[in-house]
């Protein structure tokens, strides 16, 4: 009896120590991510305001590209990005703290001078770096360092967008589709809530939209399903265009300096050809207009894909998720209205569905819809996300992302995003041999 009680106390002690450890690591990570994330958010906002007040800054984009290349060479972080953060979780790949200032300055410069990019790529990179370095301070082992990296990703995402639950689920699921790192739930949620609270205290307003949802009825469900099919195709177009542009730019302009200068000039040319600056920067004002006012240009989603592909493939910094919001919202606004869906609500459906198809994270996308738009149209968003996730195939924004289970049947496939197509024979041990 004494031995059994002793073992019980030992087991309880293990859980208590683990909980205490992760609460401490997550809170410290959340504090750092909350402060740095808020400063980053403010920096990007100020850069956007400056560009709006001084349109001539667009002409500085090639010079900004050269400066970004110089920063990355100086910090020895050339070629590192979100895929490296995912690899840090997959395989324990080390991360350098110098990635933090590099992506911070690179993203602010991109937005200041009119590059078309988002913020969350920087958020995942900076957050993952902070989480892993914080874990190092606590002397965590390799497996726990991977969890700490996810906690940092979640915390920074929450600080930027004010969506702590989405950030938690996204960080847990984006690494390997089909596997959820449940052990990371408390660390990710604690870090997200901590950073979210700090961002509020520092004056960063959470992203929220006011859009009424239509009553639940059969025809609206059918219309939503039809829109979701279109969103899946748009997400495929977005992902393939971004990857194609990156491959072609590196192939035809292998010199990073020349690539950045040429890309900057290309964005300037495209801006004047379009006659509008709607596609420079993140475009949150265009997203808000599509969702809250139900207005968008029919060609807006295609042009945003083009601008973003040129910007990111040239070496400018930011991310792809906010552009996916832009693409989805403007496409949904236009296509949804043709289907008989209220334009604003269709824009909201498009925003979430294209994000879902591009990231392969349906549950995180559903939580995103609740935190951004409320739970009034939850079943519509769930249906749309499910269809977009399935029909987008094995395409995705992040090539290091792993899809463990087939989207067509309960079959283990273990393939990389963008490296598999339905119908191909799959060797479940192929990836292991390649690595």
Protein backbone atom coordinates (compact mmCIF):
# COMPACT_ATOMS: atom_id res chain seq x y z
CA UNK A 1 0.00 0.00 0.00
CA UNK A 2 2.87 2.31 0.86
CA UNK A 3 4.57 1.72 -2.52
CA UNK A 4 1.33 2.46 -4.37
CA UNK A 5 0.83 5.73 -2.48
CA UNK A 6 4.43 6.68 -3.12
CA UNK A 7 4.02 6.05 -6.87
CA UNK A 8 0.78 8.05 -6.87
CA UNK A 9 2.51 11.00 -5.24
CA UNK A 10 5.34 10.70 -7.76
CA UNK A 11 2.90 10.74 -10.69
CA UNK A 12 1.04 13.73 -9.27
CA UNK A 13 4.37 15.49 -8.82
CA UNK A 14 5.23 14.94 -12.47
CA UNK A 15 2.01 16.60 -13.62
CA UNK A 16 2.38 19.48 -11.18
CA UNK A 17 5.98 20.14 -12.24
CA UNK A 18 5.08 19.94 -15.93
CA UNK A 19 2.19 22.36 -15.48
CA UNK A 20 4.32 24.78 -13.48
CA UNK A 21 7.10 24.58 -16.05
CA UNK A 22 4.83 25.30 -18.99
CA UNK A 23 2.95 28.09 -17.26
CA UNK A 24 6.25 29.80 -16.50
CA UNK A 25 7.70 29.29 -20.01
CA UNK A 26 4.45 30.31 -21.70
CA UNK A 27 3.95 33.45 -19.62
CA UNK A 28 7.52 34.63 -20.22
CA UNK A 29 7.13 33.86 -23.92
CA UNK A 30 3.79 35.67 -23.99
CA UNK A 31 5.27 38.74 -22.30
CA UNK A 32 8.12 38.99 -24.81
CA UNK A 33 5.83 38.29 -27.78
CA UNK A 34 3.21 40.73 -26.49
CA UNK A 35 5.70 43.57 -26.19
CA UNK A 36 7.60 42.89 -29.42
CA UNK A 37 4.38 42.04 -31.29
CA UNK A 38 2.74 45.29 -30.20
CA UNK A 39 5.79 47.29 -31.23
CA UNK A 40 5.80 45.47 -34.55
CA UNK A 41 2.08 46.14 -35.09
CA UNK A 42 2.55 49.82 -34.27
CA UNK A 43 5.60 49.98 -36.53
CA UNK A 44 3.73 48.51 -39.51
CA UNK A 45 0.74 50.80 -38.88
CA UNK A 46 2.96 53.89 -38.70
CA UNK A 47 4.79 52.80 -41.85
CA UNK A 48 1.45 52.43 -43.65
CA UNK A 49 0.32 55.86 -42.48
CA UNK A 50 3.59 57.42 -43.62
CA UNK A 51 3.28 55.82 -47.05
CA UNK A 52 -0.29 57.10 -47.34
CA UNK A 53 0.82 60.63 -46.49
CA UNK A 54 3.94 60.50 -48.67
CA UNK A 55 3.14 58.61 -51.90
CA UNK A 56 6.66 59.23 -53.20
CA UNK A 57 7.92 56.55 -50.79
CA UNK A 58 6.82 53.97 -53.37
CA UNK A 59 9.78 55.05 -55.49
CA UNK A 60 12.09 53.97 -52.66
CA UNK A 61 10.95 50.35 -52.88
CA UNK A 62 13.98 49.10 -54.89
CA UNK A 63 16.32 50.78 -52.40
CA UNK A 64 14.36 49.23 -49.53
CA UNK A 65 14.79 45.84 -51.18
CA UNK A 66 18.55 46.33 -51.32
CA UNK A 67 18.58 47.36 -47.67
CA UNK A 68 16.59 44.24 -46.72
CA UNK A 69 19.08 42.03 -48.57
CA UNK A 70 21.89 43.80 -46.71
CA UNK A 71 20.21 43.27 -43.34
CA UNK A 72 19.77 39.56 -43.98
CA UNK A 73 23.35 39.15 -45.14
CA UNK A 74 24.64 41.09 -42.13
CA UNK A 75 22.65 38.92 -39.70
CA UNK A 76 23.47 35.73 -41.63
CA UNK A 77 19.78 34.85 -41.96
CA UNK A 78 19.60 34.72 -45.76
CA UNK A 79 16.91 32.41 -47.09
CA UNK A 80 15.30 31.81 -43.69
CA UNK A 81 11.54 32.13 -43.36
CA UNK A 82 8.35 30.54 -42.09
CA UNK A 83 9.29 27.13 -43.50
CA UNK A 84 12.33 27.15 -41.21
CA UNK A 85 10.09 27.76 -38.20
CA UNK A 86 8.01 24.74 -39.20
CA UNK A 87 11.20 22.71 -39.60
CA UNK A 88 12.24 23.77 -36.10
CA UNK A 89 9.11 22.06 -34.78
CA UNK A 90 9.37 19.05 -37.10
CA UNK A 91 13.04 18.25 -36.66
CA UNK A 92 14.41 20.55 -33.96
CA UNK A 93 16.19 22.78 -36.47
CA UNK A 94 18.03 25.54 -34.56
CA UNK A 95 16.92 29.15 -34.90
CA UNK A 96 19.10 32.22 -34.55
CA UNK A 97 17.91 35.21 -32.53
CA UNK A 98 19.14 37.45 -35.36
CA UNK A 99 16.11 36.40 -37.40
CA UNK A 100 14.03 38.54 -35.04
CA UNK A 101 15.48 41.98 -35.96
CA UNK A 102 15.93 40.94 -39.59
CA UNK A 103 12.27 40.08 -40.22
CA UNK A 104 11.08 43.00 -38.04
CA UNK A 105 13.00 45.61 -40.02
CA UNK A 106 12.45 43.86 -43.35
CA UNK A 107 8.67 43.79 -42.95
CA UNK A 108 8.43 47.41 -41.78
CA UNK A 109 10.55 48.54 -44.74
CA UNK A 110 8.39 46.52 -47.13
CA UNK A 111 5.20 48.17 -45.85
CA UNK A 112 6.77 51.62 -45.67
CA UNK A 113 7.66 51.59 -49.36
CA UNK A 114 4.59 49.85 -50.76
CA UNK A 115 5.44 46.18 -51.10
CA UNK A 116 2.39 43.89 -51.13
CA UNK A 117 2.73 41.64 -48.10
CA UNK A 118 1.12 40.75 -44.81
CA UNK A 119 2.32 40.55 -41.22
CA UNK A 120 1.74 37.01 -40.00
CA UNK A 121 4.74 35.46 -41.77
CA UNK A 122 6.85 37.81 -39.70
CA UNK A 123 4.70 36.96 -36.67
CA UNK A 124 5.30 33.22 -36.99
CA UNK A 125 9.01 33.75 -37.54
CA UNK A 126 9.54 36.22 -34.71
CA UNK A 127 7.24 34.36 -32.35
CA UNK A 128 8.84 31.01 -33.09
CA UNK A 129 12.29 32.50 -32.56
CA UNK A 130 11.27 34.09 -29.24
CA UNK A 131 9.61 30.88 -28.07
CA UNK A 132 12.62 28.72 -28.87
CA UNK A 133 15.09 31.17 -27.30
CA UNK A 134 12.91 31.43 -24.19
CA UNK A 135 12.85 27.65 -23.98
CA UNK A 136 16.64 27.70 -24.16
CA UNK A 137 16.76 30.04 -21.16
CA UNK A 138 14.71 27.48 -19.22
CA UNK A 139 17.07 24.71 -20.39
CA UNK A 140 14.30 22.69 -22.04
CA UNK A 141 15.18 19.53 -23.92
CA UNK A 142 14.77 19.14 -27.69
CA UNK A 143 11.11 18.02 -27.63
CA UNK A 144 10.09 20.76 -25.21
CA UNK A 145 11.92 23.34 -27.32
CA UNK A 146 9.63 22.41 -30.21
CA UNK A 147 6.59 23.03 -28.02
CA UNK A 148 8.07 26.34 -26.88
CA UNK A 149 8.49 27.30 -30.54
CA UNK A 150 4.78 26.67 -31.15
CA UNK A 151 3.87 28.69 -28.06
CA UNK A 152 5.84 31.63 -29.45
CA UNK A 153 4.13 31.32 -32.83
CA UNK A 154 0.73 31.37 -31.17
CA UNK A 155 1.60 34.27 -28.88
CA UNK A 156 2.85 36.56 -31.63
CA UNK A 157 -0.11 35.74 -33.88
CA UNK A 158 -2.49 36.59 -31.01
CA UNK A 159 -0.72 39.88 -30.31
CA UNK A 160 -1.07 40.99 -33.94
CA UNK A 161 -4.64 39.95 -34.71
CA UNK A 162 -6.26 39.75 -31.29
CA UNK A 163 -7.41 36.17 -31.92
CA UNK A 164 -5.89 34.05 -29.11
CA UNK A 165 -7.98 30.93 -29.68
CA UNK A 166 -7.32 30.91 -33.43
CA UNK A 167 -3.63 31.48 -32.76
CA UNK A 168 -3.52 28.56 -30.33
CA UNK A 169 -5.22 26.09 -32.67
CA UNK A 170 -3.34 27.33 -35.73
CA UNK A 171 0.08 26.90 -34.10
CA UNK A 172 -0.86 23.38 -32.95
CA UNK A 173 -2.23 22.25 -36.32
CA UNK A 174 -0.30 24.06 -39.07
CA UNK A 175 2.84 21.96 -38.59
CA UNK A 176 1.38 18.54 -39.42
CA UNK A 177 -2.10 18.30 -40.91
CA UNK A 178 -3.83 15.32 -39.35
CA UNK A 179 -1.93 15.42 -36.07
CA UNK A 180 -2.67 17.78 -33.20
CA UNK A 181 0.05 18.42 -30.65
CA UNK A 182 -2.26 18.26 -27.64
CA UNK A 183 0.66 18.62 -25.22
CA UNK A 184 1.15 22.11 -26.66
CA UNK A 185 -2.39 23.29 -25.84
CA UNK A 186 -1.73 24.80 -22.41
CA UNK A 187 1.61 26.38 -23.44
CA UNK A 188 0.12 27.86 -26.62
CA UNK A 189 -3.09 29.08 -24.99
CA UNK A 190 -1.30 30.58 -21.99
CA UNK A 191 1.24 32.35 -24.19
CA UNK A 192 -1.54 33.60 -26.50
CA UNK A 193 -3.69 34.97 -23.69
CA UNK A 194 -0.68 36.64 -22.07
CA UNK A 195 0.48 38.33 -25.26
CA UNK A 196 -3.09 39.29 -26.17
CA UNK A 197 -3.58 40.98 -22.78
CA UNK A 198 -0.30 42.86 -23.14
CA UNK A 199 -1.17 44.01 -26.66
CA UNK A 200 -4.47 45.40 -25.37
CA UNK A 201 -2.64 47.26 -22.61
CA UNK A 202 -0.28 48.75 -25.18
CA UNK A 203 -3.16 50.03 -27.31
CA UNK A 204 -3.30 47.43 -30.09
CA UNK A 205 -6.95 47.02 -31.04
CA UNK A 206 -8.00 43.46 -31.96
CA UNK A 207 -9.17 42.84 -35.53
CA UNK A 208 -12.96 42.64 -35.55
CA UNK A 209 -15.64 43.10 -38.22
CA UNK A 210 -19.32 43.86 -37.89
CA UNK A 211 -21.19 41.77 -40.45
CA UNK A 212 -24.68 40.29 -39.97
CA UNK A 213 -25.20 36.64 -40.87
CA UNK A 214 -28.30 35.54 -42.82
CA UNK A 215 -30.77 33.15 -41.24
CA UNK A 216 -29.99 29.46 -41.64
CA UNK A 217 -31.89 28.02 -44.60
CA UNK A 218 -31.39 25.44 -47.34
CA UNK A 219 -30.84 27.69 -50.36
CA UNK A 220 -28.30 29.82 -48.50
CA UNK A 221 -26.39 26.66 -47.57
CA UNK A 222 -26.30 25.66 -51.24
CA UNK A 223 -25.12 29.12 -52.25
CA UNK A 224 -22.44 28.99 -49.56
CA UNK A 225 -21.29 25.60 -50.86
CA UNK A 226 -21.01 26.98 -54.38
CA UNK A 227 -18.98 29.96 -53.14
CA UNK A 228 -16.71 27.58 -51.19
CA UNK A 229 -15.88 25.69 -54.38
CA UNK A 230 -14.74 28.94 -55.95
CA UNK A 231 -12.73 29.83 -52.83
CA UNK A 232 -10.93 26.47 -53.01
CA UNK A 233 -9.91 27.16 -56.60
CA UNK A 234 -8.78 30.68 -55.70
CA UNK A 235 -6.66 29.33 -52.82
CA UNK A 236 -5.00 26.91 -55.25
CA UNK A 237 -4.33 29.77 -57.67
CA UNK A 238 -2.86 31.87 -54.86
CA UNK A 239 -0.51 29.15 -53.61
CA UNK A 240 0.65 28.02 -57.04
CA UNK A 241 1.24 31.56 -58.23
CA UNK A 242 3.34 32.40 -55.18
CA UNK A 243 5.47 29.26 -55.50
CA UNK A 244 5.82 29.61 -59.27
CA UNK A 245 6.91 33.24 -58.95
CA UNK A 246 9.45 32.39 -56.26
CA UNK A 247 10.93 29.58 -58.35
CA UNK A 248 11.13 31.67 -61.51
CA UNK A 249 12.62 34.73 -59.81
CA UNK A 250 15.38 32.69 -58.18
CA UNK A 251 16.04 30.82 -61.42
CA UNK A 252 16.20 33.87 -63.68
CA UNK A 253 17.70 36.31 -61.18
CA UNK A 254 19.92 34.27 -58.85
CA UNK A 255 21.61 37.39 -57.49
CA UNK A 256 19.64 38.55 -54.43
CA UNK A 257 20.57 42.22 -54.90
CA UNK A 258 19.44 42.27 -58.50
CA UNK A 259 16.27 40.33 -57.65
CA UNK A 260 15.25 42.83 -54.97
CA UNK A 261 15.87 45.85 -57.17
CA UNK A 262 14.04 44.34 -60.15
CA UNK A 263 11.11 43.27 -57.98
CA UNK A 264 10.81 46.74 -56.49
CA UNK A 265 10.76 48.30 -59.95
CA UNK A 266 8.15 45.77 -61.07
CA UNK A 267 5.82 46.67 -58.18
CA UNK A 268 6.18 50.39 -59.02
CA UNK A 269 5.34 49.69 -62.66
CA UNK A 270 2.32 47.55 -61.76
CA UNK A 271 1.05 50.24 -59.39
CA UNK A 272 1.05 52.91 -62.08
CA UNK A 273 -0.40 50.56 -64.69
CA UNK A 274 -3.31 49.80 -62.35
CA UNK A 275 -3.79 53.46 -61.50
CA UNK A 276 -4.42 52.70 -57.81
CA UNK A 277 -2.41 51.95 -54.68
CA UNK A 278 -5.01 49.54 -53.31
CA UNK A 279 -2.65 46.59 -53.78
CA UNK A 280 0.35 48.06 -51.98
CA UNK A 281 0.87 47.12 -48.35
CA UNK A 282 -1.43 44.74 -46.49
CA UNK A 283 -4.68 46.25 -47.76
CA UNK A 284 -6.66 46.00 -44.51
CA UNK A 285 -8.79 48.97 -45.59
CA UNK A 286 -9.85 47.07 -48.74
CA UNK A 287 -10.68 44.01 -46.63
CA UNK A 288 -12.80 46.15 -44.30
CA UNK A 289 -14.62 47.74 -47.25
CA UNK A 290 -15.43 44.32 -48.72
CA UNK A 291 -16.71 42.90 -45.43
CA UNK A 292 -18.44 45.88 -43.85
CA UNK A 293 -19.60 47.77 -46.96
CA UNK A 294 -19.88 44.94 -49.48
CA UNK A 295 -17.78 46.73 -52.09
CA UNK A 296 -14.85 45.35 -54.09
CA UNK A 297 -13.53 45.54 -57.63
CA UNK A 298 -14.05 42.35 -59.67
CA UNK A 299 -10.36 42.15 -60.60
CA UNK A 300 -9.04 42.98 -57.12
CA UNK A 301 -8.31 39.42 -55.99
CA UNK A 302 -6.31 38.63 -59.14
CA UNK A 303 -4.25 41.80 -58.92
CA UNK A 304 -3.52 41.22 -55.24
CA UNK A 305 -2.21 37.75 -56.06
CA UNK A 306 0.04 39.27 -58.74
CA UNK A 307 1.36 42.08 -56.53
CA UNK A 308 2.03 39.72 -53.63
CA UNK A 309 3.76 37.14 -55.82
CA UNK A 310 6.12 39.78 -57.25
CA UNK A 311 6.81 41.33 -53.85
CA UNK A 312 7.60 38.14 -51.93
CA UNK A 313 9.46 36.38 -54.73
CA UNK A 314 11.76 39.41 -55.02
CA UNK A 315 12.85 38.98 -51.41
CA UNK A 316 10.67 41.54 -49.63
CA UNK A 317 9.35 40.47 -46.24
CA UNK A 318 5.94 40.09 -44.62
CA UNK A 319 3.65 37.15 -45.10
CA UNK A 320 0.97 35.51 -47.17
CA UNK A 321 -1.95 35.23 -44.74
CA UNK A 322 -3.19 38.84 -44.83
CA UNK A 323 -2.94 38.79 -48.65
CA UNK A 324 -5.02 35.60 -48.52
CA UNK A 325 -7.56 37.55 -46.41
CA UNK A 326 -7.58 40.28 -49.08
CA UNK A 327 -7.92 37.79 -51.94
CA UNK A 328 -10.68 35.84 -50.20
CA UNK A 329 -12.66 38.88 -49.07
CA UNK A 330 -12.64 40.61 -52.46
CA UNK A 331 -13.38 37.40 -54.38
CA UNK A 332 -16.16 36.45 -51.97
CA UNK A 333 -17.68 39.91 -52.12
CA UNK A 334 -17.98 39.82 -55.91
CA UNK A 335 -18.77 36.11 -56.45
CA UNK A 336 -21.11 35.88 -53.47
CA UNK A 337 -23.22 38.76 -54.69
CA UNK A 338 -23.67 36.94 -58.03
CA UNK A 339 -24.82 33.85 -56.13
CA UNK A 340 -27.36 35.78 -54.12
CA UNK A 341 -25.39 35.92 -50.85
CA UNK A 342 -25.26 39.31 -49.07
CA UNK A 343 -22.00 40.85 -50.31
CA UNK A 344 -20.52 41.62 -46.90
CA UNK A 345 -21.23 38.17 -45.51
CA UNK A 346 -19.92 36.57 -48.71
CA UNK A 347 -16.70 38.57 -48.25
CA UNK A 348 -16.40 37.17 -44.72
CA UNK A 349 -16.96 33.64 -46.04
CA UNK A 350 -14.36 34.20 -48.75
CA UNK A 351 -11.79 35.57 -46.30
CA UNK A 352 -12.01 32.54 -44.02
CA UNK A 353 -12.37 29.95 -46.80
CA UNK A 354 -9.38 31.06 -48.87
CA UNK A 355 -7.30 31.21 -45.68
CA UNK A 356 -8.46 27.65 -44.93
CA UNK A 357 -7.62 26.34 -48.39
CA UNK A 358 -4.20 28.01 -48.36
CA UNK A 359 -3.16 26.86 -44.87
CA UNK A 360 -5.00 23.50 -44.69
CA UNK A 361 -6.27 24.32 -41.20
CA UNK A 362 -10.09 23.98 -41.17
CA UNK A 363 -10.58 24.03 -37.38
CA UNK A 364 -8.35 27.08 -36.94
CA UNK A 365 -10.27 28.75 -39.77
CA UNK A 366 -13.61 28.10 -38.08
CA UNK A 367 -12.30 29.58 -34.84
CA UNK A 368 -11.02 32.54 -36.87
CA UNK A 369 -14.53 33.16 -38.21
CA UNK A 370 -15.90 33.27 -34.66
CA UNK A 371 -13.25 35.64 -33.35
CA UNK A 372 -13.44 37.98 -36.35
CA UNK A 373 -17.16 37.91 -37.17
CA UNK A 374 -18.97 36.37 -34.18
CA UNK A 375 -20.78 33.04 -34.07
CA UNK A 376 -23.94 34.05 -35.93
CA UNK A 377 -23.00 32.32 -39.18
CA UNK A 378 -20.99 29.47 -37.66
CA UNK A 379 -22.60 26.67 -39.69
CA UNK A 380 -22.09 28.58 -42.95
CA UNK A 381 -18.43 29.13 -42.11
CA UNK A 382 -17.97 25.49 -41.10
CA UNK A 383 -19.49 24.25 -44.38
CA UNK A 384 -17.43 26.65 -46.44
CA UNK A 385 -14.18 25.78 -44.66
CA UNK A 386 -14.80 22.05 -45.03
CA UNK A 387 -15.37 22.30 -48.77
CA UNK A 388 -12.44 24.64 -49.34
CA UNK A 389 -10.10 22.42 -47.32
CA UNK A 390 -11.05 19.30 -49.26
CA UNK A 391 -11.06 20.77 -52.76
CA UNK A 392 -7.82 22.74 -52.36
CA UNK A 393 -5.99 19.42 -52.57
CA UNK A 394 -2.43 19.23 -51.29
CA UNK A 395 -1.53 22.81 -52.14
CA UNK A 396 -0.49 25.20 -49.40
CA UNK A 397 1.44 28.33 -48.52
CA UNK A 398 4.12 26.45 -46.55
CA UNK A 399 6.11 23.75 -48.32
CA UNK A 400 7.49 22.42 -45.03
CA UNK A 401 3.98 21.63 -43.83
CA UNK A 402 3.24 17.89 -43.65
CA UNK A 403 -0.11 16.33 -44.50
CA UNK A 404 -0.24 13.05 -42.63
CA UNK A 405 -3.63 11.76 -43.78
CA UNK A 406 -5.27 11.80 -47.20
CA UNK A 407 -8.04 14.31 -47.82
CA UNK A 408 -9.98 11.63 -49.71
CA UNK A 409 -9.94 8.65 -47.36
CA UNK A 410 -8.74 7.53 -43.92
CA UNK A 411 -5.29 6.70 -45.23
CA UNK A 412 -1.87 7.62 -43.83
CA UNK A 413 0.18 9.29 -46.56
CA UNK A 414 2.75 11.55 -44.79
CA UNK A 415 3.56 13.93 -47.65
CA UNK A 416 4.77 17.48 -47.90
CA UNK A 417 2.38 20.19 -48.98
CA UNK A 418 2.74 20.99 -52.71
CA UNK A 419 4.52 17.66 -53.31
CA UNK A 420 1.57 15.30 -53.71
CA UNK A 421 -1.47 14.97 -55.95
CA UNK A 422 -4.54 12.82 -55.49
CA UNK A 423 -4.27 9.51 -57.32
CA UNK A 424 -0.50 9.18 -57.11
CA UNK A 425 0.88 6.09 -55.39
CA UNK A 426 2.15 6.98 -51.95
CA UNK A 427 4.99 5.38 -50.06
CA UNK A 428 4.47 6.24 -46.37
CA UNK A 429 8.19 5.76 -45.72
CA UNK A 430 9.32 7.93 -48.61
CA UNK A 431 9.83 11.04 -46.56
CA UNK A 432 11.91 9.18 -44.01
CA UNK A 433 14.26 7.92 -46.72
CA UNK A 434 14.57 11.36 -48.27
CA UNK A 435 15.57 12.89 -44.96
